[in-house]
N, C-alpha and C. Protein backbone atom coordinates (compact mmCIF):
# COMPACT_ATOMS: atom_id res chain seq x y z
N UNK A 1 1.18 -1.05 0.20
CA UNK A 1 -0.10 0.12 -0.15
C UNK A 1 0.54 1.52 -0.21
N UNK A 2 0.44 2.24 -0.73
CA UNK A 2 1.32 3.38 -0.64
C UNK A 2 0.97 4.41 0.02
N UNK A 3 2.32 5.40 0.62
CA UNK A 3 1.61 5.98 1.87
C UNK A 3 1.54 7.29 1.50
N UNK A 4 0.64 6.69 0.16
CA UNK A 4 0.05 8.24 -0.08
C UNK A 4 -1.66 8.22 -0.19
N UNK A 5 -2.31 6.15 0.24
CA UNK A 5 -3.17 6.06 0.31
C UNK A 5 -4.46 6.37 0.92
N UNK A 6 -5.60 6.61 0.71
CA UNK A 6 -6.30 7.33 1.36
C UNK A 6 -6.46 6.64 2.54
N UNK A 7 -6.96 7.58 4.05
CA UNK A 7 -7.42 6.53 4.88
C UNK A 7 -8.73 5.90 4.45
N UNK A 8 -9.27 5.95 3.88
CA UNK A 8 -10.49 5.02 3.36
C UNK A 8 -10.32 4.44 2.71
N UNK A 9 -9.07 4.19 1.72
CA UNK A 9 -8.62 3.14 1.17
C UNK A 9 -8.17 2.41 1.67
N UNK A 10 -7.10 2.74 2.98
CA UNK A 10 -6.10 1.80 3.96
C UNK A 10 -7.09 0.94 4.82
N UNK A 11 -7.94 1.90 5.16
CA UNK A 11 -9.29 1.05 6.30
C UNK A 11 -10.05 -0.25 5.41
N UNK A 12 -10.22 0.16 4.54
CA UNK A 12 -10.91 -0.96 3.22
C UNK A 12 -10.41 -2.18 3.17
N UNK A 13 -8.60 -1.51 2.97
CA UNK A 13 -7.96 -2.40 2.41
C UNK A 13 -7.93 -3.63 3.43
N UNK A 14 -7.54 -3.47 4.99
CA UNK A 14 -7.17 -3.93 6.42
C UNK A 14 -8.46 -5.10 6.44
N UNK A 15 -9.57 -3.92 6.21
CA UNK A 15 -11.09 -4.63 6.50
C UNK A 15 -11.12 -5.91 5.73
N UNK A 16 -11.04 -5.77 4.43
CA UNK A 16 -11.19 -7.33 3.56
C UNK A 16 -9.92 -8.10 4.31
N UNK A 17 -8.66 -7.75 4.60
CA UNK A 17 -7.75 -8.83 5.17
C UNK A 17 -8.00 -9.39 6.18
N UNK A 18 -9.26 -8.54 7.21
CA UNK A 18 -9.42 -9.06 8.33
C UNK A 18 -10.76 -10.10 8.13
N UNK A 19 -11.30 -9.39 7.19
CA UNK A 19 -12.74 -10.73 6.58
C UNK A 19 -12.27 -12.44 6.36
N UNK A 20 -10.91 -12.14 5.50
CA UNK A 20 -10.97 -12.72 4.90
C UNK A 20 -9.39 -14.17 5.99
N UNK A 21 -9.81 -13.27 6.76
CA UNK A 21 -9.12 -14.43 8.35
C UNK A 21 -7.66 -13.72 8.69
N UNK A 22 -7.06 -12.86 7.98
CA UNK A 22 -6.11 -12.21 8.86
C UNK A 22 -6.06 -11.55 10.12
N UNK A 23 -6.39 -11.70 11.48
CA UNK A 23 -7.06 -11.00 12.11
C UNK A 23 -5.78 -9.82 13.03
N UNK A 24 -4.81 -9.60 12.30
CA UNK A 24 -3.49 -9.08 12.76
C UNK A 24 -4.28 -7.61 12.22
N UNK A 25 -5.07 -8.07 10.90
CA UNK A 25 -5.12 -6.58 10.56
C UNK A 25 -6.35 -5.78 11.02
N UNK A 26 -6.98 -6.37 12.17
CA UNK A 26 -7.98 -5.58 13.12
C UNK A 26 -7.29 -4.67 13.60
N UNK A 27 -6.05 -5.14 14.37
CA UNK A 27 -5.22 -4.62 15.34
C UNK A 27 -4.74 -3.15 14.30
N UNK A 28 -4.61 -2.97 13.23
CA UNK A 28 -4.34 -2.27 12.35
C UNK A 28 -5.32 -1.72 11.83
N UNK A 29 -6.47 -1.86 11.56
CA UNK A 29 -7.38 -0.67 11.70
C UNK A 29 -8.16 -0.06 12.70
N UNK A 30 -7.84 -0.47 13.80
CA UNK A 30 -8.16 -0.07 15.09
C UNK A 30 -6.80 1.00 15.07
N UNK A 31 -5.74 0.86 14.96
CA UNK A 31 -4.69 1.90 14.88
C UNK A 31 -4.82 3.23 13.82
N UNK A 32 -5.43 2.89 13.02
CA UNK A 32 -5.56 3.14 11.65
C UNK A 32 -6.52 4.66 12.02
N UNK A 33 -8.03 3.99 12.71
CA UNK A 33 -9.27 4.77 12.63
C UNK A 33 -9.81 5.13 13.88
N UNK A 34 -8.53 4.54 14.80
CA UNK A 34 -9.13 4.79 16.50
C UNK A 34 -8.87 6.69 16.63
N UNK A 35 -7.89 7.49 16.22
CA UNK A 35 -7.88 9.11 16.30
C UNK A 35 -9.15 9.62 15.40
N UNK A 36 -9.93 9.38 14.64
CA UNK A 36 -10.62 9.70 13.89
C UNK A 36 -12.09 9.55 14.22
N UNK A 37 -12.15 7.77 15.01
CA UNK A 37 -13.70 7.96 16.14
C UNK A 37 -13.35 8.60 17.03
N UNK A 38 -12.39 8.84 17.68
CA UNK A 38 -12.07 9.31 19.04
C UNK A 38 -12.47 10.96 19.20
N UNK A 39 -12.13 11.57 17.76
CA UNK A 39 -12.50 12.77 17.50
C UNK A 39 -13.60 13.02 17.25
N UNK A 40 -14.51 12.03 16.53
CA UNK A 40 -15.88 11.99 16.11
C UNK A 40 -16.58 12.26 17.67
N UNK A 41 -16.16 11.28 18.56
CA UNK A 41 -16.90 10.99 19.72
C UNK A 41 -16.59 12.42 20.76
N UNK A 42 -15.82 13.15 20.54
CA UNK A 42 -15.34 14.45 21.34
C UNK A 42 -16.39 15.20 20.64
N UNK A 43 -16.77 15.22 19.25
CA UNK A 43 -17.24 16.27 18.89
C UNK A 43 -18.66 15.92 19.34
N UNK A 44 -19.34 15.08 20.09
CA UNK A 44 -20.34 15.40 20.01
C UNK A 44 -20.38 15.90 21.75
N UNK A 45 -19.21 16.38 22.33
CA UNK A 45 -19.17 17.06 23.57
C UNK A 45 -19.40 15.63 24.50
N UNK A 46 -18.93 15.05 24.14
CA UNK A 46 -18.88 13.62 25.03
C UNK A 46 -17.38 13.51 26.10
N UNK A 47 -17.81 13.86 27.26
CA UNK A 47 -16.61 13.51 28.26
C UNK A 47 -15.56 12.23 28.20
N UNK A 48 -14.28 12.48 28.24
CA UNK A 48 -13.53 10.77 28.51
C UNK A 48 -13.88 9.60 28.29
N UNK A 49 -14.77 9.34 29.33
CA UNK A 49 -15.39 7.79 29.40
C UNK A 49 -16.20 7.56 28.31
N UNK A 50 -16.83 8.43 28.28
CA UNK A 50 -18.28 8.02 27.29
C UNK A 50 -17.31 7.70 25.94
N UNK A 51 -16.89 8.84 25.42
CA UNK A 51 -16.04 8.53 24.55
C UNK A 51 -15.51 7.40 24.21
N UNK A 52 -14.83 7.18 25.47
CA UNK A 52 -13.82 5.50 25.59
C UNK A 52 -14.65 4.65 25.43
N UNK A 53 -16.16 4.32 25.76
CA UNK A 53 -16.88 3.51 25.41
C UNK A 53 -17.36 3.42 24.51
N UNK A 54 -17.88 4.61 23.97
CA UNK A 54 -18.87 4.73 22.51
C UNK A 54 -17.71 3.92 21.67
N UNK A 55 -15.89 4.02 21.56
CA UNK A 55 -15.55 3.76 20.36
C UNK A 55 -15.26 2.48 20.95
N UNK A 56 -14.94 1.99 22.00
CA UNK A 56 -14.97 0.60 22.02
C UNK A 56 -16.18 -0.30 21.97
N UNK A 57 -17.62 0.26 21.93
CA UNK A 57 -18.57 -0.32 21.44
C UNK A 57 -18.77 -0.48 19.64
N UNK A 58 -18.30 0.59 19.31
CA UNK A 58 -18.19 0.54 18.09
C UNK A 58 -17.50 -0.58 17.48
N UNK A 59 -16.39 -0.92 17.82
CA UNK A 59 -15.38 -1.79 17.52
C UNK A 59 -15.98 -3.26 17.61
N UNK A 60 -16.60 -3.64 19.01
CA UNK A 60 -17.03 -4.80 19.56
C UNK A 60 -18.26 -5.09 17.85
N UNK A 61 -19.45 -3.96 18.13
CA UNK A 61 -20.35 -4.06 16.77
C UNK A 61 -19.38 -4.15 15.45
N UNK A 62 -18.45 -3.71 15.13
CA UNK A 62 -17.97 -3.89 13.64
C UNK A 62 -17.15 -5.49 13.95
N UNK A 63 -16.86 -6.11 14.72
CA UNK A 63 -16.24 -7.52 15.10
C UNK A 63 -17.63 -8.16 14.65
N UNK A 64 -18.74 -8.26 15.23
CA UNK A 64 -20.47 -8.46 15.28
C UNK A 64 -20.79 -8.57 13.80
N UNK A 65 -20.36 -7.61 13.10
CA UNK A 65 -21.09 -7.17 11.97
C UNK A 65 -19.92 -7.47 10.96
N UNK A 66 -19.28 -8.20 10.67
CA UNK A 66 -17.88 -7.50 9.65
C UNK A 66 -18.87 -8.18 8.83
N UNK A 67 -19.58 -9.50 8.91
CA UNK A 67 -19.62 -9.93 7.53
C UNK A 67 -21.18 -9.15 6.93
N UNK A 68 -21.73 -8.31 7.45
CA UNK A 68 -23.07 -7.64 7.07
C UNK A 68 -22.39 -6.34 6.29
N UNK A 69 -21.15 -5.88 6.28
CA UNK A 69 -20.83 -4.55 5.74
C UNK A 69 -20.49 -5.36 4.34
N UNK A 70 -21.56 -4.67 3.29
CA UNK A 70 -21.30 -5.40 1.88
C UNK A 70 -20.22 -4.09 1.41
N UNK A 71 -19.91 -3.22 1.81
CA UNK A 71 -18.68 -2.42 1.15
C UNK A 71 -17.79 -2.07 1.91
N UNK A 72 -16.33 -2.70 1.61
CA UNK A 72 -15.71 -2.56 2.88
C UNK A 72 -15.11 -0.94 2.70
N UNK A 73 -15.59 -0.47 1.38
CA UNK A 73 -14.72 1.19 1.61
C UNK A 73 -16.16 1.71 2.32
N UNK A 74 -17.32 1.20 2.98
CA UNK A 74 -17.69 2.33 3.78
C UNK A 74 -17.42 1.82 5.15
N UNK A 75 -16.86 0.94 5.72
CA UNK A 75 -16.33 0.76 6.83
C UNK A 75 -15.97 1.91 7.83
N UNK A 76 -15.31 3.14 7.05
CA UNK A 76 -15.04 4.45 7.81
C UNK A 76 -16.22 5.06 8.16
N UNK A 77 -17.12 5.34 7.47
CA UNK A 77 -18.22 5.93 7.74
C UNK A 77 -19.49 4.90 8.49
N UNK A 78 -19.10 3.68 8.35
CA UNK A 78 -20.15 2.96 9.50
C UNK A 78 -19.62 2.93 10.91
N UNK A 79 -18.18 2.89 10.76
CA UNK A 79 -17.96 3.14 12.29
C UNK A 79 -18.14 4.78 12.84
N UNK A 80 -17.88 5.78 11.87
CA UNK A 80 -17.94 6.69 12.36
C UNK A 80 -19.84 7.65 12.80
N UNK A 81 -20.77 6.88 11.84
CA UNK A 81 -22.52 7.02 12.75
C UNK A 81 -21.91 5.70 13.55
N UNK A 82 -21.72 4.72 14.15
CA UNK A 82 -21.91 3.60 15.00
C UNK A 82 -21.18 4.66 16.15
N UNK A 83 -20.11 5.14 15.95
CA UNK A 83 -19.31 6.15 17.48
C UNK A 83 -20.29 7.48 17.64
N UNK A 84 -21.36 8.03 16.55
CA UNK A 84 -21.68 9.06 16.72
C UNK A 84 -23.22 8.19 17.77
N UNK A 85 -23.96 7.71 17.21
CA UNK A 85 -24.86 7.22 17.74
C UNK A 85 -24.51 6.26 18.94
N UNK A 86 -23.56 5.85 19.19
CA UNK A 86 -23.70 5.09 20.77
C UNK A 86 -23.22 5.97 21.58
N UNK A 87 -22.52 7.31 21.08
CA UNK A 87 -22.11 8.47 22.29
C UNK A 87 -23.33 8.90 22.40
N UNK A 88 -24.50 9.41 21.23
CA UNK A 88 -25.67 10.22 21.94
C UNK A 88 -26.62 9.18 22.46
N UNK A 89 -26.19 8.02 22.89
CA UNK A 89 -27.29 6.75 23.22
C UNK A 89 -26.67 6.74 25.27
N UNK A 90 -25.27 7.22 25.01
CA UNK A 90 -24.31 7.46 26.39
C UNK A 90 -24.55 8.58 26.84
N UNK A 91 -24.83 9.53 26.55
CA UNK A 91 -25.01 10.51 26.66
C UNK A 91 -26.55 10.85 27.35
N UNK A 92 -27.30 10.29 26.56
CA UNK A 92 -28.83 10.39 27.09
C UNK A 92 -28.66 9.32 28.47
N UNK A 93 -28.04 8.80 28.50
CA UNK A 93 -28.18 7.66 29.93
C UNK A 93 -27.55 8.21 30.83
N UNK A 94 -26.25 8.87 30.43
CA UNK A 94 -25.65 9.85 31.58
C UNK A 94 -26.23 10.93 32.07
N UNK A 95 -27.42 11.44 31.45
CA UNK A 95 -27.56 12.54 31.47
C UNK A 95 -29.28 12.39 32.73
N UNK A 96 -29.36 11.54 32.33
CA UNK A 96 -30.94 10.83 33.27
C UNK A 96 -30.05 9.95 34.21
N UNK A 97 -28.65 9.53 34.76
CA UNK A 97 -28.50 9.04 35.70
C UNK A 97 -27.31 9.94 36.96
N UNK A 98 -27.29 11.28 36.09
CA UNK A 98 -26.34 12.46 36.74
C UNK A 98 -27.25 13.66 37.05
N UNK A 99 -27.96 13.94 37.83
CA UNK A 99 -28.96 15.24 37.88
C UNK A 99 -27.94 15.67 39.27
N UNK A 100 -27.14 16.99 38.76
CA UNK A 100 -26.94 17.27 40.02
C UNK A 100 -27.45 17.87 41.06
N UNK A 101 -26.80 18.21 42.41
CA UNK A 101 -27.86 19.32 43.06
C UNK A 101 -28.42 20.53 43.06
N UNK A 102 -27.17 20.95 42.28
CA UNK A 102 -27.76 22.39 41.83
C UNK A 102 -28.85 22.67 41.03
N UNK A 103 -29.41 21.56 40.33
CA UNK A 103 -29.88 21.74 39.35
C UNK A 103 -29.72 21.93 37.62
N UNK A 104 -28.62 22.50 37.61
CA UNK A 104 -27.90 22.90 36.33
C UNK A 104 -26.67 21.83 36.16
N UNK A 105 -27.13 21.45 34.83
CA UNK A 105 -26.24 20.24 34.19
C UNK A 105 -24.63 20.82 34.24
N UNK A 106 -23.93 19.74 34.60
CA UNK A 106 -22.50 19.83 34.40
C UNK A 106 -22.37 19.89 33.26
N UNK A 107 -21.01 20.70 32.55
CA UNK A 107 -20.52 21.06 31.65
C UNK A 107 -19.68 19.80 31.11
N UNK A 108 -20.02 18.88 29.84
CA UNK A 108 -19.16 17.93 29.72
C UNK A 108 -17.85 18.00 28.95
N UNK A 109 -17.49 18.97 28.86
CA UNK A 109 -16.22 19.52 27.98
C UNK A 109 -15.22 19.78 29.02
N UNK A 110 -15.83 20.48 30.24
CA UNK A 110 -15.03 21.00 31.50
C UNK A 110 -13.56 20.42 31.25
N UNK A 111 -12.38 21.06 31.28
CA UNK A 111 -11.23 20.07 31.72
C UNK A 111 -10.97 19.74 33.31
N UNK A 112 -10.06 19.02 33.35
CA UNK A 112 -9.56 18.91 35.02
C UNK A 112 -8.68 19.59 35.04
N UNK A 113 -8.62 19.51 36.38
CA UNK A 113 -7.23 20.43 37.04
C UNK A 113 -5.63 20.03 36.65
N UNK A 114 -5.82 18.68 36.24
CA UNK A 114 -4.34 18.01 35.85
C UNK A 114 -4.22 18.69 34.28
N UNK A 115 -5.43 18.22 33.59
CA UNK A 115 -5.33 18.80 31.93
C UNK A 115 -5.08 20.09 32.04
N UNK A 116 -5.53 21.01 32.71
CA UNK A 116 -5.14 22.20 32.74
C UNK A 116 -4.12 22.83 33.32
N UNK A 117 -3.50 21.64 33.78
CA UNK A 117 -1.90 22.23 34.42
C UNK A 117 -0.77 22.14 33.31
N UNK A 118 -1.11 20.86 32.72
CA UNK A 118 -0.41 20.57 31.74
C UNK A 118 -0.37 21.45 30.02
N UNK A 119 -1.28 21.58 29.92
CA UNK A 119 -1.49 22.43 28.71
C UNK A 119 -0.57 23.98 29.04
N UNK A 120 0.14 24.35 27.83
CA UNK A 120 0.57 25.67 27.84
C UNK A 120 -0.26 26.58 27.84
N UNK A 121 0.74 28.02 27.68
CA UNK A 121 -0.71 29.24 27.57
C UNK A 121 -0.71 29.69 26.48
N UNK A 122 0.30 28.38 25.60
CA UNK A 122 0.15 29.15 23.91
C UNK A 122 -0.75 27.72 23.35
N UNK A 123 -0.93 27.03 24.26
CA UNK A 123 -1.86 25.81 24.10
C UNK A 123 -3.65 26.24 24.64
N UNK A 124 -3.58 27.08 25.86
CA UNK A 124 -4.77 27.58 26.12
C UNK A 124 -4.76 28.81 25.18
N UNK A 125 -4.11 29.02 24.60
CA UNK A 125 -4.46 30.59 23.94
C UNK A 125 -5.30 29.68 22.27
N UNK A 126 -4.88 28.89 22.06
CA UNK A 126 -4.89 28.15 20.64
C UNK A 126 -6.49 27.81 20.96
N UNK A 127 -6.75 26.60 21.89
CA UNK A 127 -8.08 26.19 22.29
C UNK A 127 -9.48 27.17 22.60
N UNK A 128 -8.90 28.28 23.12
CA UNK A 128 -9.44 29.48 23.42
C UNK A 128 -10.68 29.57 22.33
N UNK A 129 -9.33 30.03 21.07
CA UNK A 129 -9.82 30.59 20.21
C UNK A 129 -10.20 29.41 19.14
N UNK A 130 -10.06 28.27 19.15
CA UNK A 130 -11.08 27.04 18.39
C UNK A 130 -12.25 26.76 19.07
N UNK A 131 -12.72 27.34 20.56
CA UNK A 131 -13.76 27.10 21.21
C UNK A 131 -14.61 27.96 20.65
N UNK A 132 -14.24 29.47 20.14
CA UNK A 132 -14.73 30.26 19.76
C UNK A 132 -15.23 29.83 18.43
N UNK A 133 -14.89 29.31 17.17
CA UNK A 133 -15.31 29.02 16.24
C UNK A 133 -16.98 28.60 16.02
N UNK A 134 -17.39 28.55 15.05
CA UNK A 134 -18.85 27.45 15.08
C UNK A 134 -18.06 26.05 14.99
N UNK A 135 -19.47 25.69 15.41
CA UNK A 135 -19.63 24.13 15.65
C UNK A 135 -19.01 23.26 14.59
N UNK A 136 -19.69 24.25 13.00
CA UNK A 136 -19.57 23.24 12.22
C UNK A 136 -17.47 23.11 11.93
N UNK A 137 -16.98 24.16 11.99
CA UNK A 137 -15.87 24.52 11.96
C UNK A 137 -14.67 23.94 12.92
N UNK A 138 -15.54 23.58 13.86
CA UNK A 138 -14.98 22.79 15.01
C UNK A 138 -14.81 21.09 14.34
N UNK A 139 -16.04 20.58 14.46
CA UNK A 139 -15.64 19.63 13.73
C UNK A 139 -14.55 19.14 12.82
N UNK A 140 -15.09 20.42 11.69
CA UNK A 140 -14.01 19.61 10.71
C UNK A 140 -12.32 20.06 10.70
N UNK A 141 -12.13 20.62 11.63
CA UNK A 141 -10.94 21.44 11.90
C UNK A 141 -10.30 19.54 12.68
N UNK A 142 -11.22 19.42 13.72
CA UNK A 142 -10.94 17.65 14.49
C UNK A 142 -10.69 16.77 13.31
N UNK A 143 -12.03 16.26 12.42
CA UNK A 143 -11.30 15.32 11.79
C UNK A 143 -10.03 15.18 11.05
N UNK A 144 -10.18 16.88 9.91
CA UNK A 144 -9.05 16.50 9.25
C UNK A 144 -7.59 16.65 10.16
N UNK A 145 -7.41 17.24 11.16
CA UNK A 145 -6.28 17.55 11.83
C UNK A 145 -5.51 16.40 12.03
N UNK A 146 -6.25 15.16 12.84
CA UNK A 146 -6.33 14.05 13.43
C UNK A 146 -6.18 13.19 12.41
N UNK A 147 -6.36 13.31 10.80
CA UNK A 147 -5.98 11.75 10.09
C UNK A 147 -4.95 12.34 9.20
N UNK A 148 -4.08 11.49 9.05
CA UNK A 148 -2.98 11.40 8.32
C UNK A 148 -3.11 11.73 6.82
N UNK A 149 -4.11 11.38 5.94
CA UNK A 149 -4.30 11.29 4.66
C UNK A 149 -6.29 11.46 5.01
N UNK A 150 -6.80 12.44 4.83
CA UNK A 150 -8.14 12.54 4.87
C UNK A 150 -8.62 11.84 4.39
N UNK A 151 -9.78 10.85 4.16
CA UNK A 151 -10.53 10.59 3.38
C UNK A 151 -11.45 11.56 3.51
N UNK A 152 -11.21 12.52 1.81
CA UNK A 152 -12.41 13.13 2.03
C UNK A 152 -14.29 12.46 1.91
N UNK A 153 -14.32 11.52 1.20
CA UNK A 153 -15.64 10.99 1.59
C UNK A 153 -16.17 10.64 2.72
N UNK A 154 -15.23 10.07 3.58
CA UNK A 154 -15.82 9.81 4.78
C UNK A 154 -16.13 10.44 5.61
N UNK A 155 -14.94 11.50 5.45
CA UNK A 155 -14.76 13.02 6.50
C UNK A 155 -16.45 13.65 5.83
N UNK A 156 -16.86 13.38 4.69
CA UNK A 156 -18.07 14.42 4.13
C UNK A 156 -19.26 13.51 4.77
N UNK A 157 -19.29 12.20 4.56
CA UNK A 157 -20.33 11.55 5.65
C UNK A 157 -20.57 12.00 6.30
N UNK A 158 -19.34 11.74 7.74
CA UNK A 158 -19.70 11.65 8.50
C UNK A 158 -19.81 12.80 9.15
N UNK A 159 -19.71 14.24 8.66
CA UNK A 159 -19.71 15.69 8.93
C UNK A 159 -21.01 16.42 8.27
N UNK A 160 -21.91 14.98 7.23
CA UNK A 160 -22.93 15.20 6.08
C UNK A 160 -22.93 16.95 6.06
N UNK A 161 -21.58 16.49 5.00
CA UNK A 161 -21.52 18.24 4.23
C UNK A 161 -20.76 17.39 2.74
N UNK A 162 -21.31 18.16 1.45
CA UNK A 162 -20.90 17.99 -0.08
C UNK A 162 -18.78 17.74 0.14
N UNK A 163 -18.48 16.91 -0.55
CA UNK A 163 -17.32 16.64 -0.62
C UNK A 163 -16.72 18.16 -0.96
N UNK A 164 -17.51 18.69 -2.18
CA UNK A 164 -16.68 19.79 -2.61
C UNK A 164 -16.82 20.78 -1.87
N UNK A 165 -17.12 20.68 -0.44
CA UNK A 165 -17.17 22.47 -0.08
C UNK A 165 -16.02 22.22 1.34
N UNK A 166 -15.50 20.76 1.53
CA UNK A 166 -15.00 20.17 2.77
C UNK A 166 -13.52 21.25 2.67
N UNK A 167 -12.56 21.40 1.52
CA UNK A 167 -11.56 21.73 1.03
C UNK A 167 -11.67 23.66 1.68
N UNK A 168 -12.87 24.43 0.96
CA UNK A 168 -13.05 25.69 0.93
C UNK A 168 -13.73 25.71 2.34
N UNK A 169 -14.33 24.90 3.20
CA UNK A 169 -14.66 25.20 4.20
C UNK A 169 -13.71 25.35 5.11
N UNK A 170 -12.46 24.57 4.97
CA UNK A 170 -11.48 24.47 5.78
C UNK A 170 -10.85 25.26 5.69
N UNK A 171 -10.97 25.78 4.74
CA UNK A 171 -9.54 27.11 4.80
C UNK A 171 -10.57 28.31 4.85
N UNK A 172 -12.16 28.12 4.67
CA UNK A 172 -11.98 29.61 5.77
C UNK A 172 -12.01 29.31 7.37
N UNK A 173 -12.61 28.10 7.28
CA UNK A 173 -12.49 28.48 8.94
C UNK A 173 -10.58 28.24 9.66
N UNK A 174 -10.00 27.88 9.20
CA UNK A 174 -8.34 27.79 9.61
C UNK A 174 -8.41 29.78 9.20
N UNK A 175 -8.59 30.48 8.30
CA UNK A 175 -8.80 31.55 7.80
C UNK A 175 -9.30 32.46 9.45
N UNK A 176 -10.54 32.30 9.90
CA UNK A 176 -11.04 32.66 10.46
C UNK A 176 -9.75 32.75 12.08
N UNK A 177 -9.71 31.15 12.74
CA UNK A 177 -8.66 30.96 13.11
C UNK A 177 -7.32 32.24 13.58
N UNK A 178 -6.80 32.11 12.21
CA UNK A 178 -5.55 32.40 11.82
C UNK A 178 -5.45 34.07 12.71
N UNK A 179 -6.88 34.79 11.52
CA UNK A 179 -7.19 36.04 12.06
C UNK A 179 -7.68 36.31 13.45
N UNK A 180 -7.85 35.38 14.62
CA UNK A 180 -8.44 35.70 16.08
C UNK A 180 -7.43 35.40 16.67
N UNK A 181 -6.22 34.52 16.41
CA UNK A 181 -4.57 34.77 16.95
C UNK A 181 -4.29 35.55 16.00
N UNK A 182 -3.82 36.40 15.23
CA UNK A 182 -2.86 37.36 15.31
C UNK A 182 -3.68 38.95 15.65
N UNK A 183 -4.69 38.79 15.89
CA UNK A 183 -4.85 40.05 16.45
C UNK A 183 -5.09 39.57 18.38
N UNK A 184 -4.50 38.88 18.56
CA UNK A 184 -4.55 38.04 20.08
C UNK A 184 -3.43 38.48 21.14
N UNK A 185 -2.89 39.36 21.52
CA UNK A 185 -1.99 39.90 22.34
C UNK A 185 -1.19 39.01 22.93
N UNK A 186 -1.67 37.91 23.42
CA UNK A 186 -1.25 37.05 24.24
C UNK A 186 -0.53 35.80 23.52
N UNK A 187 -0.97 35.49 21.97
CA UNK A 187 -0.34 34.95 20.64
C UNK A 187 1.01 35.04 20.52
N UNK A 188 2.14 34.27 20.57
CA UNK A 188 2.88 34.20 19.66
C UNK A 188 3.26 33.72 18.45
N UNK A 189 3.26 34.13 17.81
CA UNK A 189 3.39 33.18 16.23
C UNK A 189 4.75 32.41 16.15
């Protein structure tokens, strides 16, 4: 497989080999797609534990349903959709089970004190500006930033946007982020 093969092509190749009996290819598939699935779950505003559980469940469901997936090229989309749905399900369950005494729901994306202390000042400035972008921009940048070779068809399917608008939208989102950072006196370029 060439280094320039898309994420979708690499995943499809590993999935085909896995279904043909090469069980080590599942490990390759997990290593290849877990970063994308992680950011898919976190894009749903899932806390770490729910994201981990949703991703683990998606992998288990893939093993159970591997023969039912007709087109191996669809394995990325299948996993992304499964992670989204499982994340939503787990978040609904968590919301029912945990009602804070104050009556105000806890923010699911708050950082722990340990996470805050680890971040550098520059990271805090960057992530503050990223958090001010639209939800669409944050989701797109999350998915594209953590895929070695983004599979635009998979990205389009997971975000529900036309393939042709991914590049221009990414450019506009990055331009907004760049403009916000340049005007922030605490940002050191």
